[in-house]
Amino acid sequence: MSLLLCLQNDVQACIDLFLPAACPWCNRLLPGDRAPDDICPTCQQGVQPLPSSHCPCCAQPHATRSATRHYCENCLRRPPHFSKVYAVGCHIGTLKETIHRFKYRDNPGLSSSLGKLMIAELTTNLGHFRPDLVIPTPLHPRRLRQRGYQQALELAKPVAKHLHTPLEIHLLQRIKTTPPQQGQNAADRQGNLHKAFASNRVLSGEQILLIDDVMTTATTARECSKTLKEHGAGEIHVAVLGRA
């Protein structure tokens, strides 16, 4: 081990000793055995899991509680090109507020704690699906310049590392500028995102894990997965933080 690395480790140990880690969401002090990207028990309890009654394809919660997990009307009427959605929780409360800070308030540092929650969700529910590529939902270059970072990419980095799966950041591209999708209905979103994505190469049946921050109407995931399928992708699954 180099002298520089030893010094860095010693400095970090002193920081950990005299400056206990704080929750990255609310700044409450964490217990001594917690990692800096862990969240406190209060914030963890504020993340509401999806109800047991939700669509097994797009993860949309059903309006009424049911013992069976039947497909929603949208997936039955227009089956998407993706097979399954994994969501950390419902897009409400603490999770919604944190995603908003991560996405709109120039706080990319939250990606570590949010990515850790996404990894936990995938570890529990990924099952036998083994992606060949992890792909973040792309931003248009103009939006990327405005924001300064691509939130889906910041989430995809720790996920790809954990899964030991290649992270492909150039294959799927956003070629059409669209107005902000927040607050728009499904029909408007579909019109805005029609032919908004392109792929820069043909695939050979690779299984894809598509990463995004929030799923509201599933229009973005539908258009991305459609583009990937048209260019030779195999099975596609989607992972998000919040599901509305």
Protein backbone atom coordinates (compact mmCIF):
# COMPACT_ATOMS: atom_id res chain seq x y z
CA MET A 1 0.00 0.00 0.00
CA SER A 2 1.43 3.41 -0.94
CA LEU A 3 2.24 6.09 1.63
CA LEU A 4 -0.32 8.44 0.07
CA LEU A 5 -3.08 5.83 0.34
CA CYS A 6 -2.14 5.15 3.98
CA LEU A 7 -2.37 8.87 4.75
CA GLN A 8 -5.73 9.12 2.98
CA ASN A 9 -7.07 6.20 5.02
CA ASP A 10 -5.80 7.78 8.26
CA VAL A 11 -7.42 11.12 7.43
CA GLN A 12 -10.73 9.42 6.60
CA ALA A 13 -10.58 7.46 9.87
CA CYS A 14 -10.13 10.72 11.80
CA ILE A 15 -13.04 12.31 9.96
CA ASP A 16 -15.25 9.31 10.72
CA LEU A 17 -14.20 9.42 14.39
CA PHE A 18 -14.75 13.12 15.07
CA LEU A 19 -17.41 13.91 12.46
CA PRO A 20 -20.06 11.16 12.49
CA ALA A 21 -21.87 10.56 9.22
CA ALA A 22 -25.15 12.38 8.70
CA CYS A 23 -28.18 11.21 6.77
CA PRO A 24 -27.80 12.58 3.22
CA TRP A 25 -31.55 13.22 3.08
CA CYS A 26 -32.24 15.07 6.34
CA ASN A 27 -28.79 15.61 7.96
CA ARG A 28 -29.66 13.70 11.14
CA LEU A 29 -26.60 12.01 12.64
CA LEU A 30 -26.29 8.34 11.78
CA PRO A 31 -25.24 5.59 14.21
CA GLY A 32 -21.51 4.90 14.21
CA ASP A 33 -21.80 1.70 12.19
CA ARG A 34 -23.62 3.34 9.26
CA ALA A 35 -22.02 4.18 5.93
CA PRO A 36 -22.11 7.80 4.70
CA ASP A 37 -24.57 6.87 1.94
CA ASP A 38 -27.01 5.17 4.33
CA ILE A 39 -30.18 7.03 5.24
CA CYS A 40 -31.53 7.35 8.76
CA PRO A 41 -34.36 5.12 10.07
CA THR A 42 -36.81 8.03 9.92
CA CYS A 43 -36.19 8.65 6.22
CA GLN A 44 -36.19 4.91 5.54
CA GLN A 45 -39.62 4.62 7.14
CA GLY A 46 -40.78 7.51 4.95
CA VAL A 47 -40.19 5.45 1.79
CA GLN A 48 -43.54 3.80 1.14
CA PRO A 49 -43.25 0.47 -0.74
CA LEU A 50 -45.58 -0.25 -3.62
CA PRO A 51 -48.84 -1.85 -2.54
CA SER A 52 -49.00 -5.60 -3.06
CA SER A 53 -51.76 -5.00 -5.59
CA HIS A 54 -50.01 -3.54 -8.62
CA CYS A 55 -49.51 -4.36 -12.29
CA PRO A 56 -46.86 -7.10 -12.64
CA CYS A 57 -45.61 -5.45 -15.82
CA CYS A 58 -45.50 -1.66 -15.29
CA ALA A 59 -45.87 -1.69 -11.47
CA GLN A 60 -48.78 0.76 -11.55
CA PRO A 61 -50.65 0.50 -8.24
CA HIS A 62 -54.23 -0.63 -8.70
CA ALA A 63 -57.01 1.70 -7.64
CA THR A 64 -58.53 -0.98 -5.41
CA ARG A 65 -56.75 -3.49 -3.24
CA SER A 66 -56.88 -6.97 -4.70
CA ALA A 67 -55.50 -10.35 -3.70
CA THR A 68 -54.37 -10.93 -7.29
CA ARG A 69 -51.78 -8.98 -9.25
CA HIS A 70 -53.58 -8.55 -12.56
CA TYR A 71 -52.32 -6.51 -15.49
CA CYS A 72 -53.48 -2.90 -15.68
CA GLU A 73 -55.71 -1.65 -18.47
CA ASN A 74 -52.87 0.17 -20.22
CA CYS A 75 -50.63 -2.91 -20.39
CA LEU A 76 -53.52 -5.09 -21.57
CA ARG A 77 -54.61 -2.61 -24.23
CA ARG A 78 -51.11 -1.65 -25.42
CA PRO A 79 -48.51 -4.13 -24.16
CA PRO A 80 -45.19 -2.29 -23.67
CA HIS A 81 -41.89 -3.52 -25.07
CA PHE A 82 -40.50 -3.93 -21.56
CA SER A 83 -41.40 -6.96 -19.44
CA LYS A 84 -41.14 -5.70 -15.88
CA VAL A 85 -40.63 -2.60 -13.74
CA TYR A 86 -38.83 -2.49 -10.39
CA ALA A 87 -39.59 0.50 -8.16
CA VAL A 88 -38.05 1.46 -4.83
CA GLY A 89 -41.36 2.89 -3.66
CA CYS A 90 -44.37 5.08 -4.31
CA HIS A 91 -43.56 8.54 -5.65
CA ILE A 92 -44.89 10.35 -2.60
CA GLY A 93 -43.65 11.91 0.63
CA THR A 94 -40.00 11.63 1.60
CA LEU A 95 -38.94 9.74 -1.52
CA LYS A 96 -40.65 12.21 -3.85
CA GLU A 97 -39.09 15.19 -2.06
CA THR A 98 -35.61 13.64 -2.21
CA ILE A 99 -35.91 12.76 -5.89
CA HIS A 100 -36.99 16.34 -6.59
CA ARG A 101 -33.91 17.70 -4.80
CA PHE A 102 -31.71 15.23 -6.67
CA LYS A 103 -33.23 16.09 -10.04
CA TYR A 104 -33.96 19.81 -9.94
CA ARG A 105 -31.86 21.39 -7.19
CA ASP A 106 -28.36 20.58 -8.43
CA ASN A 107 -27.77 17.84 -5.88
CA PRO A 108 -26.14 14.93 -7.76
CA GLY A 109 -24.53 13.77 -4.50
CA LEU A 110 -27.84 12.19 -3.54
CA SER A 111 -27.27 9.59 -6.26
CA SER A 112 -25.21 7.42 -3.91
CA SER A 113 -27.96 6.93 -1.32
CA LEU A 114 -30.70 6.70 -3.95
CA GLY A 115 -28.66 4.24 -6.00
CA LYS A 116 -28.16 2.13 -2.88
CA LEU A 117 -31.94 1.85 -2.47
CA MET A 118 -32.31 0.87 -6.12
CA ILE A 119 -29.63 -1.81 -5.71
CA ALA A 120 -31.47 -3.19 -2.67
CA GLU A 121 -34.71 -3.36 -4.68
CA LEU A 122 -32.99 -5.17 -7.55
CA THR A 123 -31.15 -7.55 -5.23
CA THR A 124 -34.48 -8.62 -3.75
CA ASN A 125 -36.57 -8.82 -6.92
CA LEU A 126 -34.35 -9.24 -9.99
CA GLY A 127 -34.71 -13.02 -9.80
CA HIS A 128 -33.31 -14.93 -12.76
CA PHE A 129 -33.10 -11.89 -15.06
CA ARG A 130 -29.47 -11.14 -15.87
CA PRO A 131 -29.01 -8.01 -17.99
CA ASP A 132 -26.22 -7.81 -20.53
CA LEU A 133 -26.30 -4.00 -20.53
CA VAL A 134 -27.39 -1.28 -18.12
CA ILE A 135 -28.71 1.78 -19.98
CA PRO A 136 -29.72 5.10 -18.40
CA THR A 137 -32.67 6.96 -19.88
CA PRO A 138 -30.95 9.75 -21.83
CA LEU A 139 -31.43 13.50 -21.64
CA HIS A 140 -31.40 15.68 -24.72
CA PRO A 141 -28.00 17.42 -24.99
CA ARG A 142 -29.66 20.80 -24.47
CA ARG A 143 -31.31 19.68 -21.23
CA LEU A 144 -28.06 18.06 -20.11
CA ARG A 145 -26.21 21.37 -20.55
CA GLN A 146 -28.89 23.16 -18.53
CA ARG A 147 -28.87 20.64 -15.66
CA GLY A 148 -25.18 19.84 -15.70
CA TYR A 149 -25.61 16.13 -15.07
CA GLN A 150 -27.78 13.24 -16.20
CA GLN A 151 -29.72 11.96 -13.21
CA ALA A 152 -30.47 8.52 -14.68
CA LEU A 153 -26.78 8.01 -15.45
CA GLU A 154 -25.80 8.88 -11.87
CA LEU A 155 -28.20 6.16 -10.68
CA ALA A 156 -27.07 3.67 -13.32
CA LYS A 157 -23.38 3.88 -12.37
CA PRO A 158 -23.65 2.14 -8.95
CA VAL A 159 -26.23 -0.31 -10.29
CA ALA A 160 -23.99 -1.43 -13.16
CA LYS A 161 -21.02 -1.71 -10.81
CA HIS A 162 -23.01 -3.83 -8.35
CA LEU A 163 -24.33 -6.13 -11.09
CA HIS A 164 -20.90 -6.37 -12.79
CA THR A 165 -22.68 -5.39 -16.00
CA PRO A 166 -21.43 -3.03 -18.73
CA LEU A 167 -22.87 0.49 -18.55
CA GLU A 168 -23.80 1.70 -22.03
CA ILE A 169 -24.21 5.48 -22.09
CA HIS A 170 -24.14 6.23 -25.82
CA LEU A 171 -26.30 3.52 -27.38
CA LEU A 172 -29.66 5.14 -26.58
CA GLN A 173 -29.90 8.81 -27.53
CA ARG A 174 -32.55 11.49 -27.11
CA ILE A 175 -32.80 13.25 -30.46
CA LYS A 176 -35.92 15.36 -29.94
CA THR A 177 -36.33 18.23 -27.51
CA THR A 178 -39.53 18.00 -25.50
CA PRO A 179 -41.21 20.27 -22.97
CA PRO A 180 -41.00 19.20 -19.31
CA GLN A 181 -43.22 16.16 -18.82
CA GLN A 182 -44.14 16.99 -15.24
CA GLY A 183 -47.87 17.69 -14.94
CA GLN A 184 -48.76 16.48 -18.45
CA ASN A 185 -51.27 13.71 -19.09
CA ALA A 186 -50.50 10.43 -20.83
CA ALA A 187 -51.72 11.58 -24.26
CA ASP A 188 -49.59 14.74 -24.19
CA ARG A 189 -46.55 12.80 -23.01
CA GLN A 190 -46.99 10.24 -25.76
CA GLY A 191 -47.21 12.95 -28.40
CA ASN A 192 -44.18 14.77 -27.04
CA LEU A 193 -42.03 11.64 -26.86
CA HIS A 194 -43.02 10.08 -30.19
CA LYS A 195 -39.78 9.32 -32.06
CA ALA A 196 -37.80 11.18 -29.39
CA PHE A 197 -35.20 8.41 -29.03
CA ALA A 198 -32.76 6.68 -31.35
CA SER A 199 -30.13 3.96 -31.11
CA ASN A 200 -26.67 4.36 -32.62
CA ARG A 201 -26.17 0.67 -33.34
CA VAL A 202 -27.93 -2.64 -33.86
CA LEU A 203 -28.09 -5.07 -30.96
CA SER A 204 -27.94 -8.86 -31.03
CA GLY A 205 -30.59 -9.85 -28.52
CA GLU A 206 -28.87 -8.38 -25.45
CA GLN A 207 -31.01 -8.22 -22.33
CA ILE A 208 -31.35 -4.65 -21.11
CA LEU A 209 -31.89 -3.02 -17.71
CA LEU A 210 -33.16 0.51 -18.35
CA ILE A 211 -32.69 3.01 -15.50
CA ASP A 212 -34.75 6.13 -14.74
CA ASP A 213 -35.64 8.18 -11.69
CA VAL A 214 -39.45 8.29 -11.82
CA MET A 215 -42.20 6.49 -13.72
CA THR A 216 -45.51 8.32 -13.99
CA THR A 217 -47.38 7.22 -17.13
CA ALA A 218 -44.60 4.87 -18.35
CA THR A 219 -44.50 6.77 -21.65
CA THR A 220 -40.74 7.40 -21.52
CA ALA A 221 -39.98 3.76 -20.72
CA ARG A 222 -42.35 2.65 -23.48
CA GLU A 223 -40.65 4.82 -26.10
CA CYS A 224 -37.13 3.89 -24.97
CA SER A 225 -37.88 0.17 -24.93
CA LYS A 226 -39.63 0.39 -28.30
CA THR A 227 -36.52 2.00 -29.82
CA LEU A 228 -34.25 -0.62 -28.27
CA LYS A 229 -36.46 -3.48 -29.47
CA GLU A 230 -36.52 -2.05 -33.00
CA HIS A 231 -32.73 -2.19 -32.91
CA GLY A 232 -32.47 -5.81 -31.82
CA ALA A 233 -32.67 -5.79 -28.02
CA GLY A 234 -33.83 -8.89 -26.17
CA GLU A 235 -35.84 -8.76 -22.96
CA ILE A 236 -36.01 -5.34 -21.33
CA HIS A 237 -36.62 -4.59 -17.65
CA VAL A 238 -36.88 -1.12 -16.11
CA ALA A 239 -35.73 0.11 -12.69
CA VAL A 240 -36.95 3.39 -11.18
CA LEU A 241 -36.88 5.07 -7.80
CA GLY A 242 -40.47 6.31 -7.60
CA ARG A 243 -43.63 4.93 -9.20
CA ALA A 244 -46.58 7.30 -9.38
